[in-house]
């Protein structure tokens, strides 16, 4: 069963980190199975 957070909690968790980094939600078969953050300081070495 998926645990859902209220919008205020989601903003608290992702609001700051998403200002300077990329945040992703990992979904399989319409089910959220994880999350990850790509820190801005690591994107300089990537081919975009």
PDB file of N, CA and C in Angstrom:
ATOM      1  N   UNK A   1       0.836  -1.178   0.000  1.00  0.00           N
ATOM      2  CA  UNK A   1       0.000   0.000   0.000  1.00  0.00           C
ATOM      3  C   UNK A   1       0.885   1.248   0.000  1.00  0.00           C
ATOM      4  N   UNK A   2       0.566   2.183  -0.867  1.00  0.00           N
ATOM      5  CA  UNK A   2       1.326   3.420  -0.991  1.00  0.00           C
ATOM      6  C   UNK A   2       0.947   4.390   0.112  1.00  0.00           C
ATOM      7  N   UNK A   3       1.949   4.922   0.777  1.00  0.00           N
ATOM      8  CA  UNK A   3       1.719   5.931   1.800  1.00  0.00           C
ATOM      9  C   UNK A   3       1.767   7.298   1.133  1.00  0.00           C
ATOM     10  N   UNK A   4       0.755   8.075   1.337  1.00  0.00           N
ATOM     11  CA  UNK A   4       0.670   9.393   0.725  1.00  0.00           C
ATOM     12  C   UNK A   4       0.934  10.476   1.759  1.00  0.00           C
ATOM     13  N   UNK A   5       1.695  11.478   1.370  1.00  0.00           N
ATOM     14  CA  UNK A   5       1.984  12.598   2.255  1.00  0.00           C
ATOM     15  C   UNK A   5       1.120  13.789   1.859  1.00  0.00           C
ATOM     16  N   UNK A   6       0.701  14.571   2.827  1.00  0.00           N
ATOM     17  CA  UNK A   6      -0.030  15.798   2.489  1.00  0.00           C
ATOM     18  C   UNK A   6       0.896  16.786   1.774  1.00  0.00           C
ATOM     19  N   UNK A   7       0.339  17.696   0.980  1.00  0.00           N
ATOM     20  CA  UNK A   7       1.157  18.643   0.210  1.00  0.00           C
ATOM     21  C   UNK A   7       2.177  19.412   1.049  1.00  0.00           C
ATOM     22  N   UNK A   8       1.825  19.795   2.284  1.00  0.00           N
ATOM     23  CA  UNK A   8       2.778  20.554   3.102  1.00  0.00           C
ATOM     24  C   UNK A   8       4.031  19.746   3.409  1.00  0.00           C
ATOM     25  N   UNK A   9       3.862  18.451   3.621  1.00  0.00           N
ATOM     26  CA  UNK A   9       5.003  17.583   3.920  1.00  0.00           C
ATOM     27  C   UNK A   9       5.861  17.398   2.668  1.00  0.00           C
ATOM     28  N   UNK A  10       5.222  17.240   1.522  1.00  0.00           N
ATOM     29  CA  UNK A  10       5.957  17.099   0.258  1.00  0.00           C
ATOM     30  C   UNK A  10       6.783  18.360   0.005  1.00  0.00           C
ATOM     31  N   UNK A  11       6.193  19.532   0.228  1.00  0.00           N
ATOM     32  CA  UNK A  11       6.944  20.787   0.063  1.00  0.00           C
ATOM     33  C   UNK A  11       8.107  20.864   1.029  1.00  0.00           C
ATOM     34  N   UNK A  12       7.900  20.389   2.237  1.00  0.00           N
ATOM     35  CA  UNK A  12       8.977  20.408   3.234  1.00  0.00           C
ATOM     36  C   UNK A  12      10.132  19.495   2.817  1.00  0.00           C
ATOM     37  N   UNK A  13       9.803  18.326   2.289  1.00  0.00           N
ATOM     38  CA  UNK A  13      10.828  17.355   1.887  1.00  0.00           C
ATOM     39  C   UNK A  13      11.571  17.824   0.640  1.00  0.00           C
ATOM     40  N   UNK A  14      10.836  18.227  -0.396  1.00  0.00           N
ATOM     41  CA  UNK A  14      11.445  18.505  -1.699  1.00  0.00           C
ATOM     42  C   UNK A  14      11.628  19.981  -2.016  1.00  0.00           C
ATOM     43  N   UNK A  15      10.988  20.861  -1.267  1.00  0.00           N
ATOM     44  CA  UNK A  15      11.027  22.294  -1.579  1.00  0.00           C
ATOM     45  C   UNK A  15      12.417  22.876  -1.630  1.00  0.00           C
ATOM     46  N   UNK A  16      13.236  22.580  -0.646  1.00  0.00           N
ATOM     47  CA  UNK A  16      14.587  23.128  -0.620  1.00  0.00           C
ATOM     48  C   UNK A  16      15.524  22.451  -1.588  1.00  0.00           C
ATOM     49  N   UNK A  17      15.542  21.129  -1.569  1.00  0.00           N
ATOM     50  CA  UNK A  17      16.489  20.376  -2.406  1.00  0.00           C
ATOM     51  C   UNK A  17      16.217  20.581  -3.895  1.00  0.00           C
ATOM     52  N   UNK A  18      14.963  20.792  -4.267  1.00  0.00           N
ATOM     53  CA  UNK A  18      14.632  20.922  -5.685  1.00  0.00           C
ATOM     54  C   UNK A  18      14.989  22.291  -6.259  1.00  0.00           C
ATOM     55  N   UNK A  19      15.363  23.260  -5.409  1.00  0.00           N
ATOM     56  CA  UNK A  19      15.737  24.577  -5.903  1.00  0.00           C
ATOM     57  C   UNK A  19      17.038  24.540  -6.704  1.00  0.00           C
ATOM     58  N   UNK A  20      17.959  23.645  -6.324  1.00  0.00           N
ATOM     59  CA  UNK A  20      19.269  23.599  -6.982  1.00  0.00           C
ATOM     60  C   UNK A  20      19.636  22.213  -7.489  1.00  0.00           C
ATOM     61  N   UNK A  21      18.708  21.292  -7.461  1.00  0.00           N
ATOM     62  CA  UNK A  21      18.987  19.906  -7.852  1.00  0.00           C
ATOM     63  C   UNK A  21      17.789  19.339  -8.597  1.00  0.00           C
ATOM     64  N   UNK A  22      17.998  18.226  -9.276  1.00  0.00           N
ATOM     65  CA  UNK A  22      16.911  17.547  -9.977  1.00  0.00           C
ATOM     66  C   UNK A  22      16.392  16.410  -9.104  1.00  0.00           C
ATOM     67  N   UNK A  23      15.087  16.343  -8.950  1.00  0.00           N
ATOM     68  CA  UNK A  23      14.465  15.283  -8.149  1.00  0.00           C
ATOM     69  C   UNK A  23      13.644  14.399  -9.071  1.00  0.00           C
ATOM     70  N   UNK A  24      13.749  13.092  -8.880  1.00  0.00           N
ATOM     71  CA  UNK A  24      13.031  12.124  -9.699  1.00  0.00           C
ATOM     72  C   UNK A  24      12.254  11.164  -8.816  1.00  0.00           C
ATOM     73  N   UNK A  25      11.114  10.737  -9.310  1.00  0.00           N
ATOM     74  CA  UNK A  25      10.347   9.673  -8.668  1.00  0.00           C
ATOM     75  C   UNK A  25      10.447   8.467  -9.586  1.00  0.00           C
ATOM     76  N   UNK A  26      10.753   7.314  -9.034  1.00  0.00           N
ATOM     77  CA  UNK A  26      10.896   6.085  -9.813  1.00  0.00           C
ATOM     78  C   UNK A  26       9.580   5.320  -9.725  1.00  0.00           C
ATOM     79  N   UNK A  27       9.008   5.033 -10.890  1.00  0.00           N
ATOM     80  CA  UNK A  27       7.697   4.397 -10.949  1.00  0.00           C
ATOM     81  C   UNK A  27       7.765   3.168 -11.848  1.00  0.00           C
ATOM     82  N   UNK A  28       7.170   2.068 -11.412  1.00  0.00           N
ATOM     83  CA  UNK A  28       7.088   0.840 -12.195  1.00  0.00           C
ATOM     84  C   UNK A  28       5.651   0.354 -12.142  1.00  0.00           C
ATOM     85  N   UNK A  29       5.086   0.094 -13.307  1.00  0.00           N
ATOM     86  CA  UNK A  29       3.695  -0.378 -13.381  1.00  0.00           C
ATOM     87  C   UNK A  29       2.755   0.508 -12.576  1.00  0.00           C
ATOM     88  N   UNK A  30       2.916   1.816 -12.739  1.00  0.00           N
ATOM     89  CA  UNK A  30       2.089   2.826 -12.063  1.00  0.00           C
ATOM     90  C   UNK A  30       2.222   2.823 -10.545  1.00  0.00           C
ATOM     91  N   UNK A  31       3.293   2.223 -10.030  1.00  0.00           N
ATOM     92  CA  UNK A  31       3.535   2.209  -8.588  1.00  0.00           C
ATOM     93  C   UNK A  31       4.866   2.906  -8.296  1.00  0.00           C
ATOM     94  N   UNK A  32       4.848   3.844  -7.370  1.00  0.00           N
ATOM     95  CA  UNK A  32       6.071   4.545  -6.998  1.00  0.00           C
ATOM     96  C   UNK A  32       6.914   3.611  -6.136  1.00  0.00           C
ATOM     97  N   UNK A  33       8.162   3.376  -6.598  1.00  0.00           N
ATOM     98  CA  UNK A  33       9.024   2.450  -5.862  1.00  0.00           C
ATOM     99  C   UNK A  33      10.264   3.118  -5.282  1.00  0.00           C
ATOM    100  N   UNK A  34      10.479   4.391  -5.624  1.00  0.00           N
ATOM    101  CA  UNK A  34      11.650   5.056  -5.075  1.00  0.00           C
ATOM    102  C   UNK A  34      11.769   6.488  -5.542  1.00  0.00           C
ATOM    103  N   UNK A  35      12.839   7.105  -5.115  1.00  0.00           N
ATOM    104  CA  UNK A  35      13.133   8.488  -5.475  1.00  0.00           C
ATOM    105  C   UNK A  35      14.637   8.664  -5.546  1.00  0.00           C
ATOM    106  N   UNK A  36      15.065   9.691  -6.251  1.00  0.00           N
ATOM    107  CA  UNK A  36      16.488  10.006  -6.269  1.00  0.00           C
ATOM    108  C   UNK A  36      16.665  11.485  -6.531  1.00  0.00           C
ATOM    109  N   UNK A  37      17.809  11.994  -6.149  1.00  0.00           N
ATOM    110  CA  UNK A  37      18.170  13.390  -6.342  1.00  0.00           C
ATOM    111  C   UNK A  37      19.481  13.428  -7.089  1.00  0.00           C
ATOM    112  N   UNK A  38      19.536  14.233  -8.136  1.00  0.00           N
ATOM    113  CA  UNK A  38      20.775  14.462  -8.867  1.00  0.00           C
ATOM    114  C   UNK A  38      21.274  15.843  -8.450  1.00  0.00           C
ATOM    115  N   UNK A  39      22.347  15.860  -7.684  1.00  0.00           N
ATOM    116  CA  UNK A  39      22.875  17.114  -7.168  1.00  0.00           C
ATOM    117  C   UNK A  39      23.490  17.941  -8.281  1.00  0.00           C
ATOM    118  N   UNK A  40      23.200  19.230  -8.288  1.00  0.00           N
ATOM    119  CA  UNK A  40      23.677  20.127  -9.329  1.00  0.00           C
ATOM    120  C   UNK A  40      25.190  20.065  -9.494  1.00  0.00           C
ATOM    121  N   UNK A  41      25.916  19.908  -8.399  1.00  0.00           N
ATOM    122  CA  UNK A  41      27.384  19.893  -8.493  1.00  0.00           C
ATOM    123  C   UNK A  41      27.903  18.690  -9.279  1.00  0.00           C
ATOM    124  N   UNK A  42      27.071  17.663  -9.496  1.00  0.00           N
ATOM    125  CA  UNK A  42      27.489  16.481 -10.237  1.00  0.00           C
ATOM    126  C   UNK A  42      27.117  16.564 -11.729  1.00  0.00           C
ATOM    127  N   UNK A  43      26.354  17.580 -12.139  1.00  0.00           N
ATOM    128  CA  UNK A  43      25.907  17.643 -13.524  1.00  0.00           C
ATOM    129  C   UNK A  43      26.974  18.212 -14.459  1.00  0.00           C
ATOM    130  N   UNK A  44      27.997  18.855 -13.949  1.00  0.00           N
ATOM    131  CA  UNK A  44      29.050  19.426 -14.808  1.00  0.00           C
ATOM    132  C   UNK A  44      29.766  18.359 -15.630  1.00  0.00           C
ATOM    133  N   UNK A  45      29.880  17.172 -15.096  1.00  0.00           N
ATOM    134  CA  UNK A  45      30.620  16.113 -15.786  1.00  0.00           C
ATOM    135  C   UNK A  45      29.705  15.251 -16.668  1.00  0.00           C
ATOM    136  N   UNK A  46      28.435  15.594 -16.768  1.00  0.00           N
ATOM    137  CA  UNK A  46      27.494  14.809 -17.558  1.00  0.00           C
ATOM    138  C   UNK A  46      27.331  15.386 -18.948  1.00  0.00           C
ATOM    139  N   UNK A  47      27.033  14.525 -19.883  1.00  0.00           N
ATOM    140  CA  UNK A  47      26.686  14.970 -21.235  1.00  0.00           C
ATOM    141  C   UNK A  47      25.181  15.131 -21.274  1.00  0.00           C
ATOM    142  N   UNK A  48      24.738  16.354 -21.457  1.00  0.00           N
ATOM    143  CA  UNK A  48      23.287  16.615 -21.484  1.00  0.00           C
ATOM    144  C   UNK A  48      22.888  17.067 -22.857  1.00  0.00           C
TER     145      UNK A  48
END
